[in-house]
Amino acid sequence: MRRTRPVVIAIGVALIAAVTVVAPPARRAGAVGTDGWVQKATQPVSRAYGEMAYDSARQRIVMFGGDNHPGHPGSVLGDTWEWDGNTWIERAPANAPEARSSTAMAYDAARQRVVLFGGDNGTVFGDTWEWDGNNWTKRTPATSPPKRVFPSLAYDAARQRVVLFGGYDGKYFGDTWEWDGNNWAQRTPVTSPPALNNTSMTYDATRQRVVLFGGRLSDGSDTAATWEWDGVNWTKRTPAVS
């Protein structure tokens, strides 16, 4: 009987230099470590007092700024994000407003720009910025509302004006302004809501009215009043239920 010699098949006998793969250390999104790794953000960090507006031409919701730890130094944000319905995309414009929270934003459909006004980061702002989908541009109108936090903005499509009302900067504002794309004009309606901040305001396209609800009064109390702006005057509504 023929004896079969065992055959030993050596696999991977060659000496291989040991290679250690080191994963980047955990760090906050956007931070750069000494090893050169950058953690890319996949969505905005948590925050309060950010602002959003819908850019209908580009079909994106635009978000800017906010504060991810209110009351703590260095927590104010200056990032620009867009939401396409499925994914958050962080934009990296060449120019942008300073980091801030408590701003107001609205979309100017006629000029296809997101308009931002005011806010603060320890310094209160009274500047006007516009987002065109690629970059922020600081506008320098001849006339502008005083600096403030928590103003309200809404776009009046019938009159092609961005309407601003109220806000706060050591005092409560009860003024009405309109932005036409080049300049701010203060309006002087016969009747007007009282000085308020932190109101809610939007545009009723069917009735061509800017509608304002609620807000904080100068005595520190909150209101549940409903007001409408028709481009000339404010009218206080008295609905049966509010």
Protein backbone atom coordinates (compact mmCIF):
# COMPACT_ATOMS: atom_id res chain seq x y z
CA MET A 1 0.00 0.00 0.00
CA ARG A 2 1.40 3.29 -1.06
CA ARG A 3 1.83 5.78 1.76
CA THR A 4 0.80 9.37 1.00
CA ARG A 5 3.02 12.06 2.45
CA PRO A 6 1.06 14.83 4.15
CA VAL A 7 1.15 18.09 2.26
CA VAL A 8 1.30 21.19 4.31
CA ILE A 9 0.01 24.27 2.58
CA ALA A 10 1.40 27.35 4.21
CA ILE A 11 -0.86 30.32 3.92
CA GLY A 12 0.36 33.68 4.87
CA VAL A 13 3.72 32.46 6.10
CA ALA A 14 5.45 35.62 4.96
CA LEU A 15 6.21 38.09 7.67
CA ILE A 16 3.91 41.10 7.48
CA ALA A 17 4.70 44.33 9.21
CA ALA A 18 2.11 45.07 11.84
CA VAL A 19 -0.17 47.93 10.87
CA THR A 20 -2.27 49.64 13.50
CA VAL A 21 -5.35 51.51 12.31
CA VAL A 22 -6.23 54.29 14.68
CA ALA A 23 -9.72 55.74 14.51
CA PRO A 24 -10.01 59.48 15.01
CA PRO A 25 -10.86 60.46 18.55
CA ALA A 26 -14.41 61.53 19.22
CA ARG A 27 -14.88 65.27 19.08
CA ARG A 28 -17.63 67.73 18.32
CA ALA A 29 -18.68 68.24 14.72
CA GLY A 30 -16.41 70.61 12.83
CA ALA A 31 -13.56 70.42 15.33
CA VAL A 32 -10.04 69.82 14.00
CA GLY A 33 -7.69 67.74 16.12
CA THR A 34 -3.89 67.74 16.24
CA ASP A 35 -4.03 64.55 14.14
CA GLY A 36 -5.71 66.44 11.31
CA TRP A 37 -9.01 64.59 11.50
CA VAL A 38 -12.19 66.64 11.11
CA GLN A 39 -15.55 65.40 12.36
CA LYS A 40 -18.10 66.32 9.70
CA ALA A 41 -21.52 67.37 10.98
CA THR A 42 -24.45 65.45 9.53
CA GLN A 43 -27.10 67.67 11.09
CA PRO A 44 -27.21 70.91 13.10
CA VAL A 45 -26.31 70.76 16.77
CA SER A 46 -29.06 71.33 19.31
CA ARG A 47 -29.98 74.97 19.79
CA ALA A 48 -32.56 77.52 20.87
CA TYR A 49 -33.34 80.95 19.37
CA GLY A 50 -32.24 80.02 15.82
CA GLU A 51 -34.21 81.30 12.83
CA MET A 52 -35.63 79.60 9.74
CA ALA A 53 -37.25 80.68 6.48
CA TYR A 54 -38.40 78.75 3.42
CA ASP A 55 -36.64 79.62 0.15
CA SER A 56 -39.32 78.71 -2.40
CA ALA A 57 -37.13 79.31 -5.46
CA ARG A 58 -34.57 76.75 -4.29
CA GLN A 59 -37.04 74.61 -2.35
CA ARG A 60 -34.92 74.66 0.76
CA ILE A 61 -35.54 75.65 4.37
CA VAL A 62 -32.69 77.92 5.47
CA MET A 63 -31.60 78.05 9.10
CA PHE A 64 -29.12 80.44 10.67
CA GLY A 65 -27.60 80.80 14.11
CA GLY A 66 -29.03 80.22 17.55
CA ASP A 67 -27.59 79.32 20.93
CA ASN A 68 -26.78 75.76 21.99
CA HIS A 69 -26.30 76.67 25.66
CA PRO A 70 -28.15 79.91 26.40
CA GLY A 71 -26.55 82.02 29.09
CA HIS A 72 -23.08 80.56 28.65
CA PRO A 73 -20.26 82.45 26.88
CA GLY A 74 -19.18 81.08 23.51
CA SER A 75 -22.37 79.12 22.89
CA VAL A 76 -23.84 81.41 20.20
CA LEU A 77 -23.82 79.90 16.70
CA GLY A 78 -23.16 81.41 13.28
CA ASP A 79 -23.77 78.43 10.99
CA THR A 80 -25.95 78.28 7.88
CA TRP A 81 -27.89 75.08 7.10
CA GLU A 82 -30.38 74.02 4.44
CA TRP A 83 -33.02 71.28 4.69
CA ASP A 84 -34.18 69.71 1.40
CA GLY A 85 -36.85 67.47 2.90
CA ASN A 86 -34.49 64.56 3.48
CA THR A 87 -31.07 65.86 4.47
CA TRP A 88 -29.50 68.74 6.35
CA ILE A 89 -26.66 70.36 4.38
CA GLU A 90 -24.23 72.72 6.09
CA ARG A 91 -23.31 75.59 3.82
CA ALA A 92 -19.94 77.34 3.89
CA PRO A 93 -20.51 80.84 2.46
CA ALA A 94 -17.58 83.21 1.95
CA ASN A 95 -19.48 85.86 3.91
CA ALA A 96 -21.95 85.45 6.75
CA PRO A 97 -23.49 87.38 9.62
CA GLU A 98 -21.65 87.27 12.92
CA ALA A 99 -22.74 84.43 15.20
CA ARG A 100 -25.99 85.39 16.90
CA SER A 101 -29.31 84.26 18.26
CA SER A 102 -32.73 85.91 18.59
CA THR A 103 -32.76 87.22 15.01
CA ALA A 104 -35.70 87.42 12.59
CA MET A 105 -35.77 85.99 9.05
CA ALA A 106 -38.24 86.04 6.17
CA TYR A 107 -38.14 85.11 2.48
CA ASP A 108 -38.53 87.88 -0.10
CA ALA A 109 -40.11 85.94 -2.99
CA ALA A 110 -39.94 88.79 -5.52
CA ARG A 111 -36.18 89.13 -5.14
CA GLN A 112 -35.54 85.48 -4.17
CA ARG A 113 -33.58 86.37 -1.05
CA VAL A 114 -33.83 85.31 2.58
CA VAL A 115 -33.71 88.50 4.67
CA LEU A 116 -32.23 88.52 8.20
CA PHE A 117 -32.39 91.36 10.69
CA GLY A 118 -31.03 91.95 14.19
CA GLY A 119 -30.19 89.48 16.95
CA ASP A 120 -27.42 89.41 19.52
CA ASN A 121 -24.35 87.56 20.79
CA GLY A 122 -23.74 89.78 23.80
CA THR A 123 -23.80 92.70 21.36
CA VAL A 124 -27.20 93.63 19.96
CA PHE A 125 -27.32 94.00 16.17
CA GLY A 126 -29.31 96.25 13.87
CA ASP A 127 -27.91 94.98 10.57
CA THR A 128 -29.64 93.60 7.48
CA TRP A 129 -28.34 90.54 5.62
CA GLU A 130 -29.57 88.64 2.56
CA TRP A 131 -28.98 85.00 1.55
CA ASP A 132 -29.08 84.17 -2.19
CA GLY A 133 -28.54 80.43 -1.92
CA ASN A 134 -24.75 80.67 -2.09
CA ASN A 135 -23.64 83.61 0.01
CA TRP A 136 -24.73 86.15 2.59
CA THR A 137 -24.56 89.85 1.64
CA LYS A 138 -24.62 92.60 4.23
CA ARG A 139 -26.87 95.41 3.05
CA THR A 140 -26.19 99.04 3.92
CA PRO A 141 -29.53 100.86 3.63
CA ALA A 142 -29.70 104.62 4.18
CA THR A 143 -32.41 104.07 6.79
CA SER A 144 -32.70 101.13 9.17
CA PRO A 145 -34.67 100.11 12.28
CA PRO A 146 -32.82 100.50 15.59
CA LYS A 147 -30.90 97.44 16.77
CA ARG A 148 -32.93 94.84 18.64
CA VAL A 149 -33.52 91.21 19.56
CA PHE A 150 -36.66 89.14 19.01
CA PRO A 151 -38.24 91.25 16.27
CA SER A 152 -40.81 89.62 13.97
CA LEU A 153 -40.56 89.52 10.17
CA ALA A 154 -43.05 88.44 7.51
CA TYR A 155 -43.12 88.87 3.74
CA ASP A 156 -46.14 90.69 2.30
CA ALA A 157 -46.35 89.16 -1.19
CA ALA A 158 -49.05 91.48 -2.51
CA ARG A 159 -46.97 94.57 -1.72
CA GLN A 160 -43.57 92.90 -2.14
CA ARG A 161 -42.35 94.13 1.21
CA VAL A 162 -40.76 92.45 4.22
CA VAL A 163 -42.63 93.72 7.30
CA LEU A 164 -40.89 94.08 10.67
CA PHE A 165 -42.63 94.65 13.97
CA GLY A 166 -41.45 95.01 17.56
CA GLY A 167 -38.49 93.58 19.44
CA TYR A 168 -36.40 94.50 22.46
CA ASP A 169 -33.19 96.33 23.34
CA GLY A 170 -33.47 97.55 26.92
CA LYS A 171 -36.96 98.70 25.98
CA TYR A 172 -39.83 97.15 24.07
CA PHE A 173 -40.47 98.30 20.51
CA GLY A 174 -43.88 98.84 18.94
CA ASP A 175 -42.71 100.16 15.57
CA THR A 176 -43.57 98.95 12.08
CA TRP A 177 -41.00 98.91 9.27
CA GLU A 178 -40.97 97.69 5.65
CA TRP A 179 -38.01 96.51 3.55
CA ASP A 180 -38.29 96.96 -0.23
CA GLY A 181 -34.99 95.32 -1.13
CA ASN A 182 -33.01 98.55 -0.97
CA ASN A 183 -34.14 100.50 2.07
CA TRP A 184 -36.14 100.31 5.26
CA ALA A 185 -39.09 102.69 5.65
CA GLN A 186 -40.80 103.25 8.98
CA ARG A 187 -44.56 103.21 8.76
CA THR A 188 -46.78 105.36 10.98
CA PRO A 189 -50.16 103.61 11.20
CA VAL A 190 -53.04 105.26 13.04
CA THR A 191 -53.53 102.14 15.15
CA SER A 192 -50.88 99.63 16.12
CA PRO A 193 -50.22 96.75 18.51
CA PRO A 194 -48.58 97.78 21.79
CA ALA A 195 -44.82 97.44 22.17
CA LEU A 196 -44.04 93.72 22.05
CA ASN A 197 -41.31 91.19 21.56
CA ASN A 198 -41.39 87.45 20.90
CA THR A 199 -44.52 87.69 18.79
CA SER A 200 -45.58 85.28 16.05
CA MET A 201 -46.15 86.79 12.60
CA THR A 202 -46.89 85.42 9.14
CA TYR A 203 -48.66 86.33 5.89
CA ASP A 204 -52.19 85.34 4.90
CA ALA A 205 -51.93 85.22 1.10
CA THR A 206 -55.66 84.70 0.51
CA ARG A 207 -56.65 87.79 2.46
CA GLN A 208 -53.44 89.71 1.78
CA ARG A 209 -52.83 90.51 5.41
CA VAL A 210 -49.86 90.08 7.74
CA VAL A 211 -51.19 88.41 10.90
CA LEU A 212 -49.57 88.93 14.31
CA PHE A 213 -50.42 86.95 17.43
CA GLY A 214 -49.31 87.15 21.04
CA GLY A 215 -45.98 88.36 22.36
CA ARG A 216 -44.56 89.73 25.57
CA LEU A 217 -45.65 93.15 26.80
CA SER A 218 -43.42 95.72 28.44
CA ASP A 219 -44.84 94.85 31.89
CA GLY A 220 -43.57 91.29 31.47
CA SER A 221 -46.99 89.74 30.86
CA ASP A 222 -47.99 87.89 27.70
CA THR A 223 -50.83 88.82 25.38
CA ALA A 224 -53.22 86.69 23.31
CA ALA A 225 -54.28 89.49 20.97
CA THR A 226 -54.63 89.07 17.19
CA TRP A 227 -53.66 91.91 14.85
CA GLU A 228 -53.64 92.30 11.05
CA TRP A 229 -51.55 94.59 8.85
CA ASP A 230 -53.00 95.60 5.47
CA GLY A 231 -50.06 97.69 4.29
CA VAL A 232 -51.50 100.91 5.72
CA ASN A 233 -52.85 100.19 9.17
CA TRP A 234 -53.02 97.58 11.93
CA THR A 235 -56.46 96.28 12.92
CA LYS A 236 -57.09 94.46 16.17
CA ARG A 237 -59.31 91.44 15.57
CA THR A 238 -61.74 90.13 18.16
CA PRO A 239 -62.34 86.47 17.31
CA ALA A 240 -64.92 84.52 19.33
CA VAL A 241 -62.23 82.02 20.31
CA SER A 242 -58.60 82.91 20.93
